[in-house]
Amino acid sequence: MKSSLRRTVPALVALAACAAATQVHAQTTPVKIGFLGELSGPQAAVGQDQYDGFMLVVERNGGKLGGVPVQVIKEDSQLKPEVANLAVRKLVEKDNVQFITGVSFSNIMLAVHKYVTDKKVFLIGSNAGPSQIAGAQCSAYQFITSWQGDQAAEAVGKYAADKGYKRVVVMAPNYQAGKDIITGFKRQYKGSLAGEMYTPLNQLDFSAELTQVSADKPDAVFAFYPGGLGITFARQYQQAGLSKSTPLLSAFIADATTLPALRDAALGMISGGFWAPDFSNAASKQFVADFERKYKRTPSNYAAQSYDAALLLDSALAKVKGNVADKPAVMAALKAGEFSSVRGSFKFNNNNFPIQDMHVMQVVKDDGGQFALKTIATPLKGLVDAYHDKCPLK
């Protein structure tokens, strides 16, 4: 009996030491996170704001999320699906990331979504929200902290209907997000369309289209042109004299990344979204203050939704104590969405897209003479996206 005990005690001590060493290793080995975004070209401000919003949380936490060290590996999609595909394969197969976040444009999301989620890598999308992945192509490994692509436009469509506009021209780039956003506007707008125009994603001269708008004499124009495209479009809209006669309703033209360049060209413009820098809840106020202190500029919605992505990961990693190998536990922790969002309350629907209020903002000059977004209405509260019932997730 004593001999047996003598053999057992050292074995137990060895097992305990091994477990302790494993725990220490788990706590000191960084969790790897891939960031994929549009970081070059005319749309670079979108991806940069996403990256800066995410890193604000990481750096504020001393390089940790959920109390565990993280390593963020950044890749530029260049707005090219083939480049994005190579980048995610590198992140997954060479860098062995456990999470991918960012993803700025819908054509990029559609290019990488199936590969990433089939590999059971968690995709924490912080901008693109195409209808396909909200519906039939949804995945239990996707968690979107921004919006489904129709939603901001739905709020503007409801605003246009409430204003009594009878004839509206709609305009957008000819790619998935453009089609989703026009669909969203039409879902809530009950008047007639004076015109529906889709332009190439890289088009920078809108003179022909704006000449047609002038001829159509609509009550208003609704347009979606993100990043640098929006700056070019809004300036040409003003130069054509349309800003004096025809209200410009928009989604993702006027935001903190574009207002410093747009200035008077954006004054009075209407915009839809889930958040604006004038929100008064505590999480939003802290985010805006911290972002402005660190980056010396006002954050955009792109930064806000990416900041929320970092907070979501922070809460999930804390729940699982950094054990990312337990994928069901990580999935459950992400699904719970227990963090203080800049938008206020946060809840995922069955398709892992947020259920959220959608607001309308107007570009104004603030007390300091700066151009800013002022929240003027909340046309849609607790909005559920139009595609969730096509998603097989419960």
Protein backbone atom coordinates (compact mmCIF):
# COMPACT_ATOMS: atom_id res chain seq x y z
CA MET A 1 0.00 0.00 0.00
CA LYS A 2 2.75 2.46 0.97
CA SER A 3 4.65 1.54 -2.17
CA SER A 4 1.57 2.29 -4.26
CA LEU A 5 1.17 5.68 -2.58
CA ARG A 6 4.82 6.47 -3.17
CA ARG A 7 4.27 5.85 -6.89
CA THR A 8 0.94 7.75 -7.05
CA VAL A 9 1.94 10.97 -5.27
CA PRO A 10 4.78 11.88 -7.65
CA ALA A 11 2.50 11.13 -10.61
CA LEU A 12 -0.18 13.47 -9.24
CA VAL A 13 2.41 16.16 -8.61
CA ALA A 14 3.64 15.78 -12.20
CA LEU A 15 0.10 16.02 -13.55
CA ALA A 16 -0.56 19.15 -11.50
CA ALA A 17 2.66 20.71 -12.71
CA CYS A 18 1.75 19.87 -16.30
CA ALA A 19 -1.71 21.39 -15.92
CA ALA A 20 -0.23 24.53 -14.36
CA ALA A 21 2.28 24.83 -17.18
CA THR A 22 -0.49 24.40 -19.76
CA GLN A 23 -2.55 27.10 -18.05
CA VAL A 24 0.40 29.51 -17.99
CA HIS A 25 1.10 28.74 -21.65
CA ALA A 26 -2.56 29.39 -22.55
CA GLN A 27 -2.45 32.70 -20.73
CA THR A 28 0.79 33.91 -22.31
CA THR A 29 0.36 32.66 -25.90
CA PRO A 30 -1.42 35.45 -27.78
CA VAL A 31 -4.80 34.88 -29.35
CA LYS A 32 -4.31 35.67 -33.04
CA ILE A 33 -6.77 38.00 -34.77
CA GLY A 34 -6.63 38.81 -38.47
CA PHE A 35 -7.84 42.24 -39.58
CA LEU A 36 -8.89 42.42 -43.24
CA GLY A 37 -9.88 45.84 -44.53
CA GLU A 38 -9.71 48.31 -47.38
CA LEU A 39 -6.51 50.16 -46.46
CA SER A 40 -5.40 51.70 -49.76
CA GLY A 41 -6.90 53.69 -52.60
CA PRO A 42 -9.89 56.09 -52.47
CA GLN A 43 -11.74 53.98 -49.87
CA ALA A 44 -8.81 53.64 -47.46
CA ALA A 45 -10.39 55.89 -44.82
CA VAL A 46 -13.11 53.27 -44.28
CA GLY A 47 -10.70 50.46 -43.46
CA GLN A 48 -8.38 52.72 -41.47
CA ASP A 49 -11.21 53.90 -39.23
CA GLN A 50 -12.26 50.28 -38.69
CA TYR A 51 -8.71 49.34 -37.73
CA ASP A 52 -8.26 52.34 -35.45
CA GLY A 53 -11.57 51.70 -33.69
CA PHE A 54 -10.63 48.08 -33.03
CA MET A 55 -7.11 48.86 -31.87
CA LEU A 56 -8.37 51.57 -29.52
CA VAL A 57 -9.75 48.82 -27.26
CA VAL A 58 -6.73 46.53 -27.66
CA GLU A 59 -4.23 49.27 -26.82
CA ARG A 60 -6.34 50.67 -23.99
CA ASN A 61 -6.28 47.16 -22.49
CA GLY A 62 -2.50 46.89 -22.73
CA GLY A 63 -2.51 44.56 -25.75
CA LYS A 64 -5.17 42.28 -24.30
CA LEU A 65 -8.80 41.34 -24.89
CA GLY A 66 -10.68 39.47 -22.20
CA GLY A 67 -7.57 39.62 -20.05
CA VAL A 68 -5.48 37.56 -22.50
CA PRO A 69 -2.77 38.84 -24.87
CA VAL A 70 -3.80 39.26 -28.50
CA GLN A 71 -1.83 39.67 -31.71
CA VAL A 72 -3.60 41.59 -34.49
CA ILE A 73 -2.31 40.84 -38.00
CA LYS A 74 -3.40 43.43 -40.58
CA GLU A 75 -4.05 42.74 -44.27
CA ASP A 76 -5.18 45.11 -47.06
CA SER A 77 -7.94 43.76 -49.33
CA GLN A 78 -7.24 46.52 -51.91
CA LEU A 79 -10.96 46.28 -52.79
CA LYS A 80 -10.04 43.25 -54.94
CA PRO A 81 -11.72 39.90 -54.19
CA GLU A 82 -8.74 37.93 -55.52
CA VAL A 83 -6.37 39.82 -53.20
CA ALA A 84 -8.74 39.33 -50.27
CA ASN A 85 -8.89 35.59 -50.93
CA LEU A 86 -5.10 35.29 -50.83
CA ALA A 87 -4.99 37.41 -47.67
CA VAL A 88 -7.48 35.29 -45.72
CA ARG A 89 -5.73 32.09 -46.76
CA LYS A 90 -2.49 33.52 -45.41
CA LEU A 91 -4.18 34.57 -42.18
CA VAL A 92 -5.81 31.16 -41.66
CA GLU A 93 -3.22 28.73 -43.02
CA LYS A 94 0.07 30.49 -42.26
CA ASP A 95 -0.68 32.84 -39.37
CA ASN A 96 -3.19 30.43 -37.73
CA VAL A 97 -5.59 33.17 -36.65
CA GLN A 98 -8.59 32.17 -34.54
CA PHE A 99 -10.65 35.24 -35.52
CA ILE A 100 -10.93 37.51 -38.53
CA THR A 101 -12.46 40.96 -38.18
CA GLY A 102 -12.91 44.04 -40.36
CA VAL A 103 -14.07 43.38 -43.96
CA SER A 104 -15.03 46.74 -45.43
CA PHE A 105 -16.98 46.03 -48.63
CA SER A 106 -19.74 43.56 -49.53
CA ASN A 107 -17.96 42.16 -52.60
CA ILE A 108 -15.01 41.32 -50.36
CA MET A 109 -17.25 39.75 -47.70
CA LEU A 110 -18.94 37.56 -50.32
CA ALA A 111 -15.52 36.51 -51.64
CA VAL A 112 -14.10 35.39 -48.26
CA HIS A 113 -17.11 34.48 -46.10
CA LYS A 114 -17.54 30.82 -47.06
CA TYR A 115 -13.84 30.00 -46.88
CA VAL A 116 -13.39 31.58 -43.44
CA THR A 117 -16.51 30.11 -41.85
CA ASP A 118 -16.01 26.67 -43.44
CA LYS A 119 -12.59 26.66 -41.75
CA LYS A 120 -14.43 27.31 -38.45
CA VAL A 121 -12.61 30.59 -37.98
CA PHE A 122 -14.84 33.16 -36.29
CA LEU A 123 -15.66 36.08 -38.60
CA ILE A 124 -16.41 39.24 -36.59
CA GLY A 125 -17.52 41.50 -39.43
CA SER A 126 -17.45 45.21 -38.62
CA ASN A 127 -18.81 46.79 -41.79
CA ALA A 128 -20.05 44.76 -44.77
CA GLY A 129 -23.46 43.14 -44.29
CA PRO A 130 -24.66 41.71 -47.63
CA SER A 131 -28.13 40.18 -47.79
CA GLN A 132 -26.84 36.70 -48.68
CA ILE A 133 -25.01 36.15 -45.39
CA ALA A 134 -27.95 37.55 -43.42
CA GLY A 135 -30.15 34.98 -45.16
CA ALA A 136 -29.56 31.58 -46.70
CA GLN A 137 -25.73 31.78 -46.60
CA CYS A 138 -25.52 32.67 -42.90
CA SER A 139 -23.08 30.83 -40.66
CA ALA A 140 -22.85 30.07 -36.96
CA TYR A 141 -19.25 31.35 -37.22
CA GLN A 142 -20.25 34.87 -38.35
CA PHE A 143 -21.00 37.69 -35.92
CA ILE A 144 -21.71 41.08 -37.51
CA THR A 145 -21.39 44.17 -35.28
CA SER A 146 -22.45 46.73 -37.90
CA TRP A 147 -25.74 46.26 -39.76
CA GLN A 148 -27.37 44.42 -42.63
CA GLY A 149 -26.84 46.44 -45.82
CA ASP A 150 -30.46 47.51 -46.26
CA GLN A 151 -31.02 48.93 -42.79
CA ALA A 152 -29.61 52.48 -42.92
CA ALA A 153 -31.40 53.02 -46.23
CA GLU A 154 -34.65 51.73 -44.74
CA ALA A 155 -34.49 54.50 -42.15
CA VAL A 156 -33.96 57.12 -44.87
CA GLY A 157 -36.76 55.61 -46.95
CA LYS A 158 -39.12 55.92 -43.99
CA TYR A 159 -37.93 59.51 -43.46
CA ALA A 160 -38.63 60.31 -47.15
CA ALA A 161 -42.10 58.80 -46.87
CA ASP A 162 -42.80 60.78 -43.70
CA LYS A 163 -41.64 63.99 -45.43
CA GLY A 164 -44.15 63.38 -48.21
CA TYR A 165 -41.69 63.14 -51.09
CA LYS A 166 -43.57 61.83 -54.14
CA ARG A 167 -40.79 61.43 -56.74
CA VAL A 168 -37.24 60.39 -55.81
CA VAL A 169 -34.21 59.45 -57.92
CA VAL A 170 -32.08 56.66 -56.40
CA MET A 171 -28.37 56.19 -57.22
CA ALA A 172 -25.68 53.71 -56.12
CA PRO A 173 -22.61 51.82 -57.36
CA ASN A 174 -23.42 48.64 -59.25
CA TYR A 175 -22.32 46.02 -56.70
CA GLN A 176 -23.97 44.05 -53.91
CA ALA A 177 -24.04 46.77 -51.25
CA GLY A 178 -25.42 49.29 -53.74
CA LYS A 179 -28.24 46.93 -54.72
CA ASP A 180 -29.01 46.08 -51.07
CA ILE A 181 -29.13 49.72 -50.05
CA ILE A 182 -31.47 50.73 -52.88
CA THR A 183 -33.67 47.73 -52.00
CA GLY A 184 -33.76 48.92 -48.40
CA PHE A 185 -34.76 52.45 -49.37
CA LYS A 186 -37.55 51.18 -51.63
CA ARG A 187 -38.84 48.88 -48.89
CA GLN A 188 -39.86 51.86 -46.73
CA TYR A 189 -40.35 54.64 -49.30
CA LYS A 190 -43.92 54.58 -50.63
CA GLY A 191 -43.69 57.21 -53.37
CA SER A 192 -42.68 56.87 -57.02
CA LEU A 193 -39.14 56.62 -58.40
CA ALA A 194 -38.25 59.31 -60.90
CA GLY A 195 -35.16 57.29 -61.80
CA GLU A 196 -32.95 54.39 -60.66
CA MET A 197 -29.27 54.57 -61.59
CA TYR A 198 -26.40 52.12 -60.96
CA THR A 199 -22.89 53.28 -61.80
CA PRO A 200 -19.59 51.33 -62.01
CA LEU A 201 -17.90 50.99 -58.61
CA ASN A 202 -14.83 52.90 -59.84
CA GLN A 203 -16.74 55.70 -61.65
CA LEU A 204 -15.68 59.19 -60.57
CA ASP A 205 -17.49 61.37 -63.12
CA PHE A 206 -21.21 61.68 -62.45
CA SER A 207 -21.93 64.58 -64.83
CA ALA A 208 -24.16 62.54 -67.16
CA GLU A 209 -26.22 61.14 -64.30
CA LEU A 210 -26.59 64.54 -62.61
CA THR A 211 -27.68 66.12 -65.89
CA GLN A 212 -30.41 63.49 -66.03
CA VAL A 213 -31.40 64.27 -62.43
CA SER A 214 -31.72 67.96 -63.30
CA ALA A 215 -33.98 67.06 -66.20
CA ASP A 216 -36.14 64.72 -64.08
CA LYS A 217 -36.75 67.41 -61.40
CA PRO A 218 -37.39 64.97 -58.54
CA ASP A 219 -38.49 65.97 -55.04
CA ALA A 220 -35.23 64.49 -53.69
CA VAL A 221 -32.29 62.25 -54.55
CA PHE A 222 -31.26 59.24 -52.48
CA ALA A 223 -27.65 58.17 -53.06
CA PHE A 224 -25.16 55.68 -51.63
CA TYR A 225 -21.49 56.28 -52.39
CA PRO A 226 -19.04 55.29 -49.62
CA GLY A 227 -15.62 56.79 -48.84
CA GLY A 228 -13.87 58.71 -51.60
CA LEU A 229 -16.72 58.04 -54.04
CA GLY A 230 -19.06 59.95 -51.76
CA ILE A 231 -16.77 62.97 -51.59
CA THR A 232 -16.57 63.11 -55.39
CA PHE A 233 -20.31 62.61 -55.83
CA ALA A 234 -21.37 65.22 -53.26
CA ARG A 235 -19.00 67.84 -54.67
CA GLN A 236 -20.30 67.29 -58.19
CA TYR A 237 -23.89 67.39 -56.87
CA GLN A 238 -23.17 70.85 -55.40
CA GLN A 239 -21.34 72.03 -58.53
CA ALA A 240 -24.35 71.02 -60.64
CA GLY A 241 -26.48 73.38 -58.54
CA LEU A 242 -28.66 70.53 -57.27
CA SER A 243 -27.95 71.11 -53.57
CA LYS A 244 -29.92 74.38 -53.78
CA SER A 245 -33.00 72.83 -55.37
CA THR A 246 -33.11 69.11 -54.57
CA PRO A 247 -32.54 67.61 -51.09
CA LEU A 248 -29.82 64.95 -51.01
CA LEU A 249 -30.69 61.93 -48.89
CA SER A 250 -27.86 59.49 -48.37
CA ALA A 251 -26.37 56.44 -46.79
CA PHE A 252 -22.65 56.47 -45.98
CA ILE A 253 -21.74 59.60 -47.93
CA ALA A 254 -21.62 61.98 -44.97
CA ASP A 255 -19.61 60.68 -42.03
CA ALA A 256 -16.60 61.66 -39.97
CA THR A 257 -14.19 60.33 -42.62
CA THR A 258 -15.68 62.49 -45.38
CA LEU A 259 -16.99 65.65 -43.68
CA PRO A 260 -13.55 67.34 -43.37
CA ALA A 261 -13.28 67.15 -47.16
CA LEU A 262 -16.95 67.74 -48.02
CA ARG A 263 -17.56 70.76 -45.78
CA ASP A 264 -20.25 73.01 -47.37
CA ALA A 265 -20.99 70.40 -50.05
CA ALA A 266 -22.55 68.25 -47.32
CA LEU A 267 -24.38 70.93 -45.36
CA GLY A 268 -28.03 69.93 -44.89
CA MET A 269 -27.50 66.42 -46.26
CA ILE A 270 -29.62 63.68 -44.67
CA SER A 271 -27.94 60.40 -43.69
CA GLY A 272 -29.12 57.14 -42.13
CA GLY A 273 -27.31 54.93 -39.65
CA PHE A 274 -27.24 53.05 -36.35
CA TRP A 275 -25.02 55.57 -34.53
CA ALA A 276 -23.66 59.12 -34.60
CA PRO A 277 -20.98 60.89 -32.54
CA ASP A 278 -23.63 62.94 -30.71
CA PHE A 279 -25.10 59.88 -28.92
CA SER A 280 -25.35 60.53 -25.18
CA ASN A 281 -25.00 57.05 -23.67
CA ALA A 282 -21.93 56.46 -21.49
CA ALA A 283 -20.23 53.92 -23.80
CA SER A 284 -20.53 56.21 -26.82
CA LYS A 285 -19.27 59.26 -24.94
CA GLN A 286 -16.23 57.33 -23.69
CA PHE A 287 -15.54 56.00 -27.17
CA VAL A 288 -15.70 59.43 -28.81
CA ALA A 289 -13.53 61.02 -26.11
CA ASP A 290 -10.90 58.25 -26.22
CA PHE A 291 -10.83 58.16 -30.03
CA GLU A 292 -10.46 61.93 -30.36
CA ARG A 293 -7.74 61.97 -27.70
CA LYS A 294 -5.74 59.23 -29.42
CA TYR A 295 -6.27 59.95 -33.12
CA LYS A 296 -7.03 63.71 -33.08
CA ARG A 297 -10.15 63.33 -35.22
CA THR A 298 -13.85 62.54 -34.82
CA PRO A 299 -14.69 58.85 -35.17
CA SER A 300 -16.99 57.60 -37.92
CA ASN A 301 -19.57 54.84 -37.74
CA TYR A 302 -16.89 52.56 -39.24
CA ALA A 303 -14.73 53.12 -36.19
CA ALA A 304 -17.73 52.76 -33.85
CA GLN A 305 -18.86 49.39 -35.17
CA SER A 306 -15.27 48.08 -35.14
CA TYR A 307 -14.84 49.35 -31.57
CA ASP A 308 -17.94 47.29 -30.75
CA ALA A 309 -16.33 44.28 -32.47
CA ALA A 310 -13.36 44.59 -30.11
CA LEU A 311 -15.68 44.94 -27.10
CA LEU A 312 -17.60 41.84 -28.22
CA LEU A 313 -14.36 39.84 -28.46
CA ASP A 314 -13.22 41.28 -25.13
CA SER A 315 -16.38 40.00 -23.42
CA ALA A 316 -16.27 36.59 -25.14
CA LEU A 317 -12.59 35.91 -24.41
CA ALA A 318 -13.12 36.85 -20.78
CA LYS A 319 -16.02 34.39 -20.53
CA VAL A 320 -13.98 31.48 -21.91
CA LYS A 321 -10.83 32.59 -20.05
CA GLY A 322 -8.92 32.70 -23.32
CA ASN A 323 -9.64 29.06 -24.19
CA VAL A 324 -10.31 29.58 -27.90
CA ALA A 325 -9.95 25.84 -28.56
CA ASP A 326 -13.42 25.37 -27.05
CA LYS A 327 -15.27 26.64 -30.11
CA PRO A 328 -18.82 25.91 -28.83
CA ALA A 329 -18.06 27.94 -25.69
CA VAL A 330 -16.59 30.79 -27.76
CA MET A 331 -19.63 30.72 -30.05
CA ALA A 332 -22.02 30.90 -27.08
CA ALA A 333 -20.04 33.76 -25.52
CA LEU A 334 -20.10 35.74 -28.77
CA LYS A 335 -23.81 35.07 -29.29
CA ALA A 336 -24.59 36.46 -25.82
CA GLY A 337 -23.24 39.84 -26.93
CA GLU A 338 -22.77 41.02 -23.36
CA PHE A 339 -20.93 44.32 -23.68
CA SER A 340 -21.75 48.03 -23.49
CA SER A 341 -22.28 49.02 -27.12
CA VAL A 342 -21.86 52.56 -28.41
CA ARG A 343 -25.40 52.28 -29.80
CA GLY A 344 -26.90 51.47 -26.38
CA SER A 345 -28.49 48.05 -26.01
CA PHE A 346 -27.10 45.23 -28.16
CA LYS A 347 -28.70 41.95 -29.17
CA PHE A 348 -28.00 39.45 -31.94
CA ASN A 349 -30.84 38.01 -34.00
CA ASN A 350 -30.90 34.35 -35.07
CA ASN A 351 -28.61 35.17 -38.03
CA ASN A 352 -26.03 36.88 -35.79
CA PHE A 353 -26.84 40.34 -37.12
CA PRO A 354 -27.85 43.05 -34.61
CA ILE A 355 -31.44 43.98 -33.84
CA GLN A 356 -31.15 47.75 -33.50
CA ASP A 357 -32.67 51.20 -33.83
CA MET A 358 -31.93 53.02 -37.08
CA HIS A 359 -31.64 56.80 -37.02
CA VAL A 360 -31.58 59.75 -39.40
CA MET A 361 -28.91 62.43 -39.09
CA GLN A 362 -28.41 65.80 -40.77
CA VAL A 363 -25.13 67.55 -41.53
CA VAL A 364 -24.92 70.80 -39.55
CA LYS A 365 -22.30 73.24 -38.32
CA ASP A 366 -21.72 72.74 -34.60
CA ASP A 367 -21.06 75.48 -32.03
CA GLY A 368 -17.37 75.42 -32.94
CA GLY A 369 -18.07 75.92 -36.63
CA GLN A 370 -17.19 72.32 -37.48
CA PHE A 371 -19.31 70.16 -39.78
CA ALA A 372 -20.98 67.37 -37.83
CA LEU A 373 -23.85 64.87 -37.89
CA LYS A 374 -26.84 65.77 -35.72
CA THR A 375 -29.34 63.02 -34.92
CA ILE A 376 -32.79 64.34 -35.85
CA ALA A 377 -35.09 61.27 -35.90
CA THR A 378 -35.37 57.54 -35.18
CA PRO A 379 -37.78 56.29 -37.85
CA LEU A 380 -37.25 52.58 -37.12
CA LYS A 381 -36.85 51.08 -33.64
CA GLY A 382 -35.73 47.53 -32.90
CA LEU A 383 -35.30 46.90 -36.62
CA VAL A 384 -34.96 43.26 -37.66
CA ASP A 385 -33.31 42.78 -41.05
CA ALA A 386 -35.42 41.53 -43.94
CA TYR A 387 -33.48 38.30 -44.55
CA HIS A 388 -33.14 36.66 -41.12
CA ASP A 389 -36.04 34.25 -41.73
CA LYS A 390 -34.08 32.70 -44.62
CA CYS A 391 -31.19 31.86 -42.24
CA PRO A 392 -31.44 28.30 -40.86
CA LEU A 393 -29.84 29.26 -37.53
CA LYS A 394 -32.16 29.39 -34.54
